[in-house]
Amino acid sequence: MSVGRSTCLLAIVLGGLLVGHAQTAPMSSFRTVRLVASPIRWELAPGRRVVAWAYNGQVPGPILRVRAGEGVRIVVENRLPEATAVHWHGVDVPFPMDGVPGVTQAAIAPGGRFVYAFPAHPAGTRWYHTHADEVGQLDRGLHGPFVVDPQGERSADREYVLVLGSWVTGQGRPVRPSLPDGMMQGMRERMGIAGPPYDTFTVNGKAFPATPPLRVRRGERVRLRILNASGHAHFTLRLDGHRMRVTHTDGNPLQEPVEVDVLPMAPAERYDVEVVADRPGTWALHDTTPEVAAAGLRVQVVYEGYERAPPSPDPRPESSLRRWTYRLGRGVNTIPRPTSGRVLRYDLVLGWGMMMAPDRWTINGRAYPDTAPLRVRFGDLVRLRISNMSPDSHPIHLHGHSFRVLSWNGTAFPAPLIKDTVDVPSMGEVELEFVARNPGRWLMHCHKVLHMHGGMATLVVYE
C-alpha cells in the first residue's frame, strides 16, 4: 500500500498543530529514510543460524537518529511473505502515522510500501517495531532503536545503544528469564502462561560469545541506552565491578541520576544509564539469571589496554546490591498542563481466563476488540487506576502519549516518573495520568504480545 503526498502533508499538519508542539519545517526539508523488511539468514552465535525477519538486512534494524522536532519521512517496503506495519514506540506521532493495522492504517501487503512522515518528538531513547502479527514477527527481529536527541544536551564521552532480544530457535534447551514478582516458574508452566520457550538471548542481535565487546577508556563517562525488545521476557542486568547511574526512564529524564547495581527491565522498557569507567580490566554486563546469561545475554566491557585480560570476578554478594525500582526515581515533568479543566477517571482491572481459557487476557472482563474504549476530549486530564488480578505482570503501553506514573503498589510518587510503558505487577496496582493532547484513536495494551493477542488491549478515543 502506498501513501501519497497529501497524506504526508496531513501528518505534518496534525503533528505541528494538534500535538501541541511548534510547527515543523516544510516537507522538502524532511529527512528521508528507507526501511526494507525482508527475511535474511542471520547468525546469532557460531553454529546457531536462523532465518530472521529484519529491517535493512540487520538485526536489530538500523539506529534511526534525529534531532528533536526534525521532520522524518520513512519509506517502509515490505518484502516479507506476509503483511506488516511499523509502530514508532514512544514517539508522539500524528494518529495516521502510528502503524497499527485496523486502527490507523491497512497493513502493508507483501510487495507494498507505506510512507510514514512526522516530526520527531519528544526527545529520548525511543524505538520502532512491527505491529502486525507481533507474536510471529517481533521476536524474529523486526525491531530497532530510534534516538531523538534533545537540543543542547551534554553528551557523554562514549555511547552505546544496546537492544536486548529473545529467540525461539529450536536449537537449544528453553530457558526462562527471572520473574518480576517472585511467582515460581513451574506454577506458571502448570497454568499454561509461561510464555514462549526462548532458548537464545541476544545483545544487538548476537548471543555471547559473539557479542562485540563494549570498549572504553579509563576515566570516560559512558552512556548506555538499553532497550528490552523481547516480546515477553523480563531481563535483570548487572555490570560487574561497577555501579550504573539511571538517568532516563523510557527516554525521559530524571531530576538526578539514581545509582544502582541491578537494573530490571520489562518488555518494551528503556533505560539510559551512565557508567564511570574507573575500574580498568575486563568486566561482564549480563543478566543476573545464570542460565539466561549462558544462553547469550552477556557482553564484555573491555578497557583500553586490557584486550587480552580475562573477565574479572565481582566479589559483591547479591544481598549487598541495590536494585532499581520505580520508587527510587524522581521524574522531570515534561507533560504540558491540561487545558479543558476536565479530570476523567477510569478504573481498569487486568484479568485472565484461568485454567479453562489460559490464552484469554482481559480488561474489565472483556477481550479486545470487545473492550470498552476510554473516551476523552482534547485537553482533558485522564487518570487511570490499573489493578492486576492476573497471575502475571503486564507492561502496559499507551500509544501516542507519555504519562506520569503517580503510584505503584500503594506508594505515591511526589515527582512522578514520565514513561510510556509501565509494568503492573501480579496482584498489584498502578496509577497514572496523561493529558489528552494528540487526537485520534490510540491503542493501549500489554506489551507481552501473547497477552495482547489474547485480548489485553483497548482504545483511547477522542470525541
Protein backbone atom coordinates (compact mmCIF):
# COMPACT_ATOMS: atom_id res chain seq x y z
CA MET A 1 0.00 0.00 0.00
CA SER A 2 1.31 3.47 -0.88
CA VAL A 3 0.54 6.75 0.85
CA GLY A 4 0.66 9.87 -1.30
CA ARG A 5 1.88 13.39 -0.69
CA SER A 6 -1.49 14.58 0.58
CA THR A 7 -1.44 12.06 3.43
CA CYS A 8 2.12 13.07 4.35
CA LEU A 9 1.12 16.74 4.44
CA LEU A 10 -1.87 15.87 6.63
CA ALA A 11 0.51 14.15 9.02
CA ILE A 12 2.68 17.25 9.21
CA VAL A 13 -0.30 19.50 9.96
CA LEU A 14 -1.52 17.14 12.65
CA GLY A 15 1.96 16.84 14.11
CA GLY A 16 2.55 20.58 14.17
CA LEU A 17 -0.85 21.86 15.25
CA LEU A 18 -2.68 19.20 17.22
CA VAL A 19 0.03 17.54 19.25
CA GLY A 20 0.92 20.87 20.80
CA HIS A 21 4.45 21.29 19.50
CA ALA A 22 5.81 24.03 17.28
CA GLN A 23 5.13 23.73 13.59
CA THR A 24 7.84 21.83 11.80
CA ALA A 25 9.88 22.55 8.70
CA PRO A 26 8.23 22.17 5.29
CA MET A 27 8.03 18.76 3.66
CA SER A 28 11.02 19.49 1.42
CA SER A 29 13.33 19.63 4.44
CA PHE A 30 12.22 16.30 5.91
CA ARG A 31 14.96 13.70 6.10
CA THR A 32 14.06 10.58 4.11
CA VAL A 33 14.93 7.12 5.41
CA ARG A 34 14.24 3.78 3.72
CA LEU A 35 13.42 0.64 5.71
CA VAL A 36 13.09 -2.67 3.86
CA ALA A 37 11.57 -5.55 5.82
CA SER A 38 12.72 -8.92 4.47
CA PRO A 39 13.76 -12.42 5.53
CA ILE A 40 17.51 -12.92 5.97
CA ARG A 41 19.84 -15.64 7.18
CA TRP A 42 21.31 -14.48 10.48
CA GLU A 43 23.93 -15.97 12.75
CA LEU A 44 23.10 -15.39 16.42
CA ALA A 45 26.30 -17.13 17.55
CA PRO A 46 28.79 -19.52 15.95
CA GLY A 47 26.82 -22.54 14.77
CA ARG A 48 23.43 -21.04 15.65
CA ARG A 49 21.83 -19.71 12.48
CA VAL A 50 18.23 -18.70 11.94
CA VAL A 51 16.01 -17.19 9.29
CA ALA A 52 15.33 -13.79 10.81
CA TRP A 53 12.98 -11.06 9.64
CA ALA A 54 14.94 -7.85 9.51
CA TYR A 55 14.98 -4.19 8.57
CA ASN A 56 17.67 -3.35 6.01
CA GLY A 57 19.27 -6.76 6.36
CA GLN A 58 20.30 -6.46 10.00
CA VAL A 59 19.08 -7.37 13.50
CA PRO A 60 18.20 -5.14 15.20
CA GLY A 61 17.29 -2.65 12.50
CA PRO A 62 19.49 0.40 11.92
CA ILE A 63 19.63 3.13 14.54
CA LEU A 64 17.39 5.98 13.38
CA ARG A 65 18.77 9.18 14.90
CA VAL A 66 17.32 12.68 14.54
CA ARG A 67 17.12 15.95 16.42
CA ALA A 68 14.00 16.76 18.43
CA GLY A 69 11.48 18.46 16.16
CA GLU A 70 13.24 17.34 12.99
CA GLY A 71 10.95 16.01 10.28
CA VAL A 72 11.49 12.44 9.15
CA ARG A 73 9.94 10.65 6.19
CA ILE A 74 10.34 6.86 6.44
CA VAL A 75 9.56 4.76 3.39
CA VAL A 76 8.82 1.19 4.52
CA GLU A 77 8.93 -1.54 1.87
CA ASN A 78 7.56 -4.98 2.67
CA ARG A 79 9.47 -7.90 1.16
CA LEU A 80 8.14 -10.36 3.73
CA PRO A 81 5.77 -13.22 2.84
CA GLU A 82 3.01 -11.63 4.96
CA ALA A 83 1.62 -8.19 5.78
CA THR A 84 3.35 -5.93 8.28
CA ALA A 85 3.39 -2.37 9.70
CA VAL A 86 5.76 -0.25 11.79
CA HIS A 87 4.93 1.43 15.11
CA TRP A 88 7.09 4.29 16.46
CA HIS A 89 7.12 3.42 20.14
CA GLY A 90 7.33 6.42 22.47
CA VAL A 91 7.21 8.96 19.63
CA ASP A 92 4.18 11.27 19.67
CA VAL A 93 3.36 10.80 16.02
CA PRO A 94 0.15 12.05 14.42
CA PHE A 95 -2.58 9.42 14.55
CA PRO A 96 -2.41 8.34 10.85
CA MET A 97 1.30 7.54 11.29
CA ASP A 98 1.03 5.25 14.36
CA GLY A 99 1.38 2.00 12.42
CA VAL A 100 -1.43 -0.15 13.86
CA PRO A 101 -3.32 -2.20 11.25
CA GLY A 102 -7.06 -1.99 11.67
CA VAL A 103 -6.79 1.17 13.79
CA THR A 104 -4.61 3.68 11.91
CA GLN A 105 -3.90 2.03 8.58
CA ALA A 106 -4.29 -1.09 6.48
CA ALA A 107 -1.37 -3.47 6.91
CA ILE A 108 1.36 -3.19 4.29
CA ALA A 109 0.84 -6.14 1.95
CA PRO A 110 3.76 -8.20 0.64
CA GLY A 111 5.34 -6.21 -2.15
CA GLY A 112 3.74 -2.97 -0.92
CA ARG A 113 5.02 0.09 0.83
CA PHE A 114 3.87 2.79 3.21
CA VAL A 115 5.31 6.26 3.81
CA TYR A 116 5.41 7.44 7.42
CA ALA A 117 6.06 11.19 7.89
CA PHE A 118 6.17 13.03 11.19
CA PRO A 119 8.16 15.48 13.33
CA ALA A 120 10.25 13.53 15.85
CA HIS A 121 9.38 14.32 19.45
CA PRO A 122 9.72 14.04 22.38
CA ALA A 123 13.48 13.69 22.78
CA GLY A 124 14.84 10.46 24.22
CA THR A 125 15.50 6.79 23.61
CA ARG A 126 12.56 5.54 21.54
CA TRP A 127 12.23 2.54 19.25
CA TYR A 128 10.37 1.12 16.29
CA HIS A 129 8.91 -2.34 15.77
CA THR A 130 6.37 -4.36 13.87
CA HIS A 131 2.74 -4.03 14.93
CA ALA A 132 1.31 -6.79 12.74
CA ASP A 133 1.24 -10.41 13.92
CA GLU A 134 3.57 -9.41 16.73
CA VAL A 135 3.62 -12.98 18.07
CA GLY A 136 5.16 -14.16 14.81
CA GLN A 137 7.21 -11.09 13.86
CA LEU A 138 8.64 -9.22 16.86
CA ASP A 139 10.90 -11.97 18.22
CA ARG A 140 12.11 -12.75 14.71
CA GLY A 141 13.99 -9.47 14.56
CA LEU A 142 11.59 -6.73 13.38
CA HIS A 143 12.64 -4.00 15.81
CA GLY A 144 15.22 -1.24 16.05
CA PRO A 145 16.26 1.81 18.11
CA PHE A 146 15.06 5.34 17.41
CA VAL A 147 17.07 8.04 19.19
CA VAL A 148 15.68 11.58 19.30
CA ASP A 149 18.44 13.89 20.51
CA PRO A 150 17.44 16.98 22.51
CA GLN A 151 18.83 20.37 21.71
CA GLY A 152 21.84 21.29 23.82
CA GLU A 153 22.15 18.17 25.96
CA ARG A 154 25.60 17.45 27.39
CA SER A 155 26.94 14.38 25.63
CA ALA A 156 28.83 11.52 27.24
CA ASP A 157 32.41 10.66 26.35
CA ARG A 158 31.19 7.47 24.72
CA GLU A 159 27.76 5.98 23.98
CA TYR A 160 26.40 2.54 23.18
CA VAL A 161 22.87 1.52 22.21
CA LEU A 162 22.05 -1.98 23.46
CA VAL A 163 18.97 -3.81 22.17
CA LEU A 164 18.09 -6.94 24.15
CA GLY A 165 16.30 -9.71 22.25
CA SER A 166 14.87 -13.19 22.75
CA TRP A 167 14.62 -16.09 20.31
CA VAL A 168 13.00 -19.49 19.91
CA THR A 169 15.45 -21.27 17.61
CA GLY A 170 14.71 -24.90 18.48
CA GLN A 171 18.45 -25.42 18.72
CA GLY A 172 18.81 -25.37 22.49
CA ARG A 173 17.10 -26.04 25.79
CA PRO A 174 14.37 -23.50 26.67
CA VAL A 175 15.44 -21.04 29.37
CA ARG A 176 13.08 -18.97 31.49
CA PRO A 177 14.26 -15.47 32.48
CA SER A 178 13.86 -14.28 36.07
CA LEU A 179 10.36 -13.27 37.09
CA PRO A 180 9.49 -9.81 38.42
CA ASP A 181 7.05 -10.86 41.12
CA GLY A 182 8.55 -13.98 42.68
CA MET A 183 5.93 -16.45 41.44
CA MET A 184 7.52 -19.81 40.69
CA GLN A 185 8.09 -20.52 37.01
CA GLY A 186 6.80 -24.06 37.50
CA MET A 187 3.47 -22.69 38.67
CA ARG A 188 3.17 -20.55 35.55
CA GLU A 189 4.01 -23.54 33.38
CA ARG A 190 1.29 -25.62 35.04
CA MET A 191 -1.12 -22.74 34.38
CA GLY A 192 -0.08 -22.63 30.73
CA ILE A 193 1.13 -19.00 30.88
CA ALA A 194 4.92 -19.38 30.99
CA GLY A 195 5.45 -17.59 27.67
CA PRO A 196 7.47 -18.63 24.63
CA PRO A 197 10.17 -21.32 25.08
CA TYR A 198 13.10 -18.97 24.48
CA ASP A 199 16.44 -20.73 24.10
CA THR A 200 18.67 -17.83 22.98
CA PHE A 201 19.06 -14.25 24.17
CA THR A 202 20.92 -11.52 22.35
CA VAL A 203 22.52 -8.11 22.68
CA ASN A 204 22.27 -6.22 19.39
CA GLY A 205 21.32 -9.40 17.57
CA LYS A 206 24.22 -11.52 18.82
CA ALA A 207 24.45 -14.09 21.61
CA PHE A 208 27.58 -14.34 23.74
CA PRO A 209 30.37 -15.11 22.90
CA ALA A 210 29.50 -13.47 19.55
CA THR A 211 28.50 -10.16 21.20
CA PRO A 212 31.01 -7.44 20.21
CA PRO A 213 32.74 -6.00 23.31
CA LEU A 214 32.00 -2.53 24.60
CA ARG A 215 35.37 -0.77 24.51
CA VAL A 216 36.03 2.03 26.98
CA ARG A 217 38.94 4.13 28.21
CA ARG A 218 39.71 4.79 31.86
CA GLY A 219 38.08 7.97 33.13
CA GLU A 220 35.35 8.10 30.49
CA ARG A 221 31.71 8.70 31.25
CA VAL A 222 29.89 6.07 29.21
CA ARG A 223 26.19 6.28 28.33
CA LEU A 224 24.27 3.09 27.69
CA ARG A 225 20.85 3.32 26.04
CA ILE A 226 19.28 -0.04 26.87
CA LEU A 227 16.10 -1.36 25.24
CA ASN A 228 14.21 -4.56 26.04
CA ALA A 229 12.81 -5.58 22.64
CA SER A 230 11.63 -9.03 23.76
CA GLY A 231 8.05 -9.97 23.09
CA HIS A 232 7.70 -11.47 26.58
CA ALA A 233 10.91 -11.77 28.61
CA HIS A 234 11.91 -9.64 31.60
CA PHE A 235 15.64 -9.06 31.99
CA THR A 236 17.70 -8.09 35.05
CA LEU A 237 21.08 -6.55 34.24
CA ARG A 238 24.25 -6.22 36.29
CA LEU A 239 27.60 -4.73 35.29
CA ASP A 240 30.26 -6.46 37.32
CA GLY A 241 32.62 -4.17 39.21
CA HIS A 242 30.61 -1.00 38.54
CA ARG A 243 27.53 0.91 39.55
CA MET A 244 25.04 2.18 36.99
CA ARG A 245 23.54 5.66 37.26
CA VAL A 246 19.97 5.64 35.91
CA THR A 247 19.36 8.97 34.15
CA HIS A 248 16.25 8.34 31.97
CA THR A 249 13.17 6.11 32.07
CA ASP A 250 11.68 5.29 28.66
CA GLY A 251 13.79 8.15 27.31
CA ASN A 252 12.56 10.74 29.82
CA PRO A 253 14.98 12.44 32.23
CA LEU A 254 15.18 12.08 35.99
CA GLN A 255 15.80 15.10 38.21
CA GLU A 256 19.02 13.48 39.34
CA PRO A 257 20.70 10.17 38.50
CA VAL A 258 20.00 7.15 40.71
CA GLU A 259 22.91 4.81 41.44
CA VAL A 260 22.03 1.12 41.29
CA ASP A 261 23.79 -2.19 40.85
CA VAL A 262 20.93 -4.17 39.28
CA LEU A 263 18.52 -3.00 36.57
CA PRO A 264 15.26 -4.93 36.00
CA MET A 265 13.59 -4.29 32.65
CA ALA A 266 10.11 -5.28 31.50
CA PRO A 267 9.36 -5.81 27.80
CA ALA A 268 9.37 -2.51 25.84
CA GLU A 269 11.01 -0.52 28.65
CA ARG A 270 14.12 1.57 28.01
CA TYR A 271 16.65 2.90 30.48
CA ASP A 272 19.54 5.27 29.91
CA VAL A 273 22.35 4.68 32.37
CA GLU A 274 25.77 6.24 32.85
CA VAL A 275 28.82 4.30 33.94
CA VAL A 276 32.05 5.91 35.10
CA ALA A 277 34.92 3.85 33.71
CA ASP A 278 37.06 3.76 36.85
CA ARG A 279 37.86 0.04 37.22
CA PRO A 280 40.33 -0.94 34.49
CA GLY A 281 40.03 -4.53 33.30
CA THR A 282 37.52 -6.71 31.51
CA TRP A 283 34.06 -6.95 33.05
CA ALA A 284 30.77 -8.63 32.15
CA LEU A 285 27.46 -6.87 31.61
CA HIS A 286 24.97 -9.72 31.96
CA ASP A 287 21.61 -10.96 33.12
CA THR A 288 21.65 -11.97 36.78
CA THR A 289 19.97 -15.32 35.99
CA PRO A 290 22.96 -17.54 35.14
CA GLU A 291 21.01 -19.63 32.63
CA VAL A 292 19.93 -16.51 30.72
CA ALA A 293 23.49 -15.18 30.62
CA ALA A 294 24.72 -18.58 29.46
CA ALA A 295 22.07 -18.53 26.71
CA GLY A 296 23.60 -15.36 25.32
CA LEU A 297 22.63 -12.28 27.33
CA ARG A 298 26.16 -11.19 28.15
CA VAL A 299 28.63 -8.69 26.70
CA GLN A 300 32.14 -7.80 27.80
CA VAL A 301 33.15 -4.28 28.81
CA VAL A 302 36.83 -4.02 27.87
CA TYR A 303 39.11 -1.20 28.96
CA GLU A 304 41.79 0.07 26.59
CA GLY A 305 44.97 -1.89 27.29
CA TYR A 306 43.12 -4.88 28.76
CA GLU A 307 42.02 -6.51 25.50
CA ARG A 308 43.67 -9.82 26.43
CA ALA A 309 42.68 -9.79 30.10
CA PRO A 310 40.25 -12.47 31.32
CA PRO A 311 36.94 -11.27 32.80
CA SER A 312 37.31 -10.04 36.36
CA PRO A 313 35.07 -11.57 39.05
CA ASP A 314 32.78 -9.31 41.07
CA PRO A 315 33.04 -10.28 44.76
CA ARG A 316 30.00 -8.27 45.85
CA PRO A 317 27.29 -10.61 47.23
CA GLU A 318 23.83 -10.42 45.69
CA SER A 319 22.35 -9.28 49.00
CA SER A 320 24.52 -6.14 49.01
CA LEU A 321 23.40 -4.91 45.58
CA ARG A 322 20.97 -2.02 45.12
CA ARG A 323 18.14 -2.83 42.75
CA TRP A 324 16.32 -0.25 40.64
CA THR A 325 12.60 0.20 41.31
CA TYR A 326 10.19 2.91 40.21
CA ARG A 327 10.21 4.17 43.82
CA LEU A 328 13.81 5.40 43.52
CA GLY A 329 13.38 7.86 40.65
CA ARG A 330 12.14 11.45 40.59
CA GLY A 331 10.89 12.42 37.17
CA VAL A 332 11.10 15.74 35.33
CA ASN A 333 7.59 16.78 34.37
CA THR A 334 7.73 17.27 30.60
CA ILE A 335 3.98 16.87 30.02
CA PRO A 336 2.06 20.13 29.31
CA ARG A 337 -0.76 21.18 31.61
CA PRO A 338 -4.32 20.16 30.73
CA THR A 339 -6.44 22.85 29.13
CA SER A 340 -10.08 21.71 29.32
CA GLY A 341 -10.45 21.73 33.10
CA ARG A 342 -11.97 18.24 32.99
CA VAL A 343 -10.49 15.38 35.01
CA LEU A 344 -11.57 11.94 33.81
CA ARG A 345 -11.08 8.81 35.91
CA TYR A 346 -11.09 5.23 34.69
CA ASP A 347 -10.61 2.01 36.65
CA LEU A 348 -9.10 -0.85 34.66
CA VAL A 349 -8.89 -4.39 36.02
CA LEU A 350 -6.50 -6.72 34.22
CA GLY A 351 -7.73 -10.31 34.25
CA TRP A 352 -7.15 -13.81 32.98
CA GLY A 353 -9.35 -16.59 31.62
CA MET A 354 -7.91 -19.04 34.17
CA MET A 355 -7.30 -22.71 33.51
CA MET A 356 -10.31 -23.09 31.21
CA ALA A 357 -9.03 -20.32 28.91
CA PRO A 358 -5.32 -19.70 29.67
CA ASP A 359 -4.82 -17.74 26.43
CA ARG A 360 -7.52 -15.18 27.27
CA TRP A 361 -6.34 -11.90 28.84
CA THR A 362 -8.90 -9.21 29.65
CA ILE A 363 -9.53 -5.62 30.68
CA ASN A 364 -12.61 -5.25 32.89
CA GLY A 365 -13.65 -8.76 31.96
CA ARG A 366 -13.59 -8.20 28.19
CA ALA A 367 -11.10 -9.13 25.49
CA TYR A 368 -10.21 -6.78 22.64
CA PRO A 369 -11.88 -5.78 20.33
CA ASP A 370 -14.82 -6.00 22.73
CA THR A 371 -13.17 -3.91 25.46
CA ALA A 372 -14.86 -0.60 26.28
CA PRO A 373 -12.88 2.35 24.89
CA LEU A 374 -11.70 5.21 27.09
CA ARG A 375 -13.42 8.31 25.70
CA VAL A 376 -11.66 11.66 26.10
CA ARG A 377 -11.67 15.19 24.74
CA PHE A 378 -8.73 17.33 23.74
CA GLY A 379 -7.19 18.99 26.83
CA ASP A 380 -8.57 16.53 29.40
CA LEU A 381 -6.51 15.23 32.29
CA VAL A 382 -7.08 11.47 32.27
CA ARG A 383 -6.33 9.39 35.37
CA LEU A 384 -6.17 5.61 35.25
CA ARG A 385 -6.09 3.16 38.12
CA ILE A 386 -4.90 -0.20 36.79
CA SER A 387 -5.36 -3.22 39.05
CA ASN A 388 -3.80 -6.53 38.04
CA MET A 389 -5.85 -9.51 39.21
CA SER A 390 -3.99 -11.99 36.99
CA PRO A 391 -1.04 -14.30 37.79
CA ASP A 392 1.42 -12.48 35.51
CA SER A 393 2.81 -8.95 35.29
CA HIS A 394 1.75 -6.69 32.42
CA PRO A 395 3.88 -3.94 30.84
CA ILE A 396 1.11 -1.57 29.74
CA HIS A 397 1.93 0.76 26.82
CA LEU A 398 -0.11 3.74 25.64
CA HIS A 399 0.37 4.83 22.04
CA GLY A 400 0.78 8.48 21.07
CA HIS A 401 1.28 9.80 24.62
CA SER A 402 3.64 9.73 27.56
CA PHE A 403 2.17 9.54 31.07
CA ARG A 404 3.03 10.25 34.69
CA VAL A 405 3.32 7.23 37.00
CA LEU A 406 1.56 8.58 40.11
CA SER A 407 1.82 5.50 42.32
CA TRP A 408 2.97 1.91 42.21
CA ASN A 409 1.70 -0.78 44.59
CA GLY A 410 0.39 1.80 47.05
CA THR A 411 3.47 4.07 47.07
CA ALA A 412 2.63 7.58 45.85
CA PHE A 413 5.39 9.38 43.95
CA PRO A 414 5.89 13.09 44.78
CA ALA A 415 7.78 13.55 41.48
CA PRO A 416 6.18 11.04 39.09
CA LEU A 417 8.25 9.23 36.52
CA ILE A 418 7.40 10.03 32.91
CA LYS A 419 7.03 6.83 30.89
CA ASP A 420 5.12 5.26 28.02
CA THR A 421 5.29 1.69 29.35
CA VAL A 422 4.68 0.72 32.98
CA ASP A 423 4.96 -2.77 34.43
CA VAL A 424 1.89 -3.64 36.52
CA PRO A 425 2.84 -6.48 38.89
CA SER A 426 0.69 -9.53 39.50
CA MET A 427 -1.89 -8.70 42.18
CA GLY A 428 -0.57 -5.14 42.19
CA GLU A 429 -1.84 -1.70 41.22
CA VAL A 430 -0.54 1.32 39.33
CA GLU A 431 -1.99 4.81 39.00
CA LEU A 432 -1.05 7.02 36.08
CA GLU A 433 -2.28 10.10 34.27
CA PHE A 434 -1.87 11.68 30.86
CA VAL A 435 -3.02 14.83 29.12
CA ALA A 436 -5.21 14.25 26.07
CA ARG A 437 -3.32 16.36 23.52
CA ASN A 438 -2.93 14.11 20.46
CA PRO A 439 -6.33 13.49 18.81
CA GLY A 440 -7.09 10.12 17.28
CA ARG A 441 -7.86 6.55 18.31
CA TRP A 442 -4.93 5.16 20.26
CA LEU A 443 -4.17 1.62 21.27
CA MET A 444 -3.32 0.82 24.89
CA HIS A 445 -2.19 -2.72 25.54
CA CYS A 446 0.04 -5.17 27.34
CA HIS A 447 3.41 -5.37 25.58
CA LYS A 448 3.72 -9.09 26.21
CA VAL A 449 2.48 -9.93 22.76
CA LEU A 450 0.77 -13.19 23.76
CA HIS A 451 -1.28 -11.21 26.26
CA MET A 452 -2.13 -8.51 23.72
CA HIS A 453 -3.24 -11.09 21.18
CA GLY A 454 -5.19 -12.81 23.94
CA GLY A 455 -7.26 -9.64 24.35
CA MET A 456 -5.46 -7.33 26.81
CA ALA A 457 -5.91 -4.13 24.81
CA THR A 458 -8.30 -1.23 24.47
CA LEU A 459 -8.56 2.13 22.71
CA VAL A 460 -8.34 5.72 23.89
CA VAL A 461 -10.83 7.52 21.63
CA TYR A 462 -11.04 11.30 21.23
CA GLU A 463 -14.59 12.63 20.85
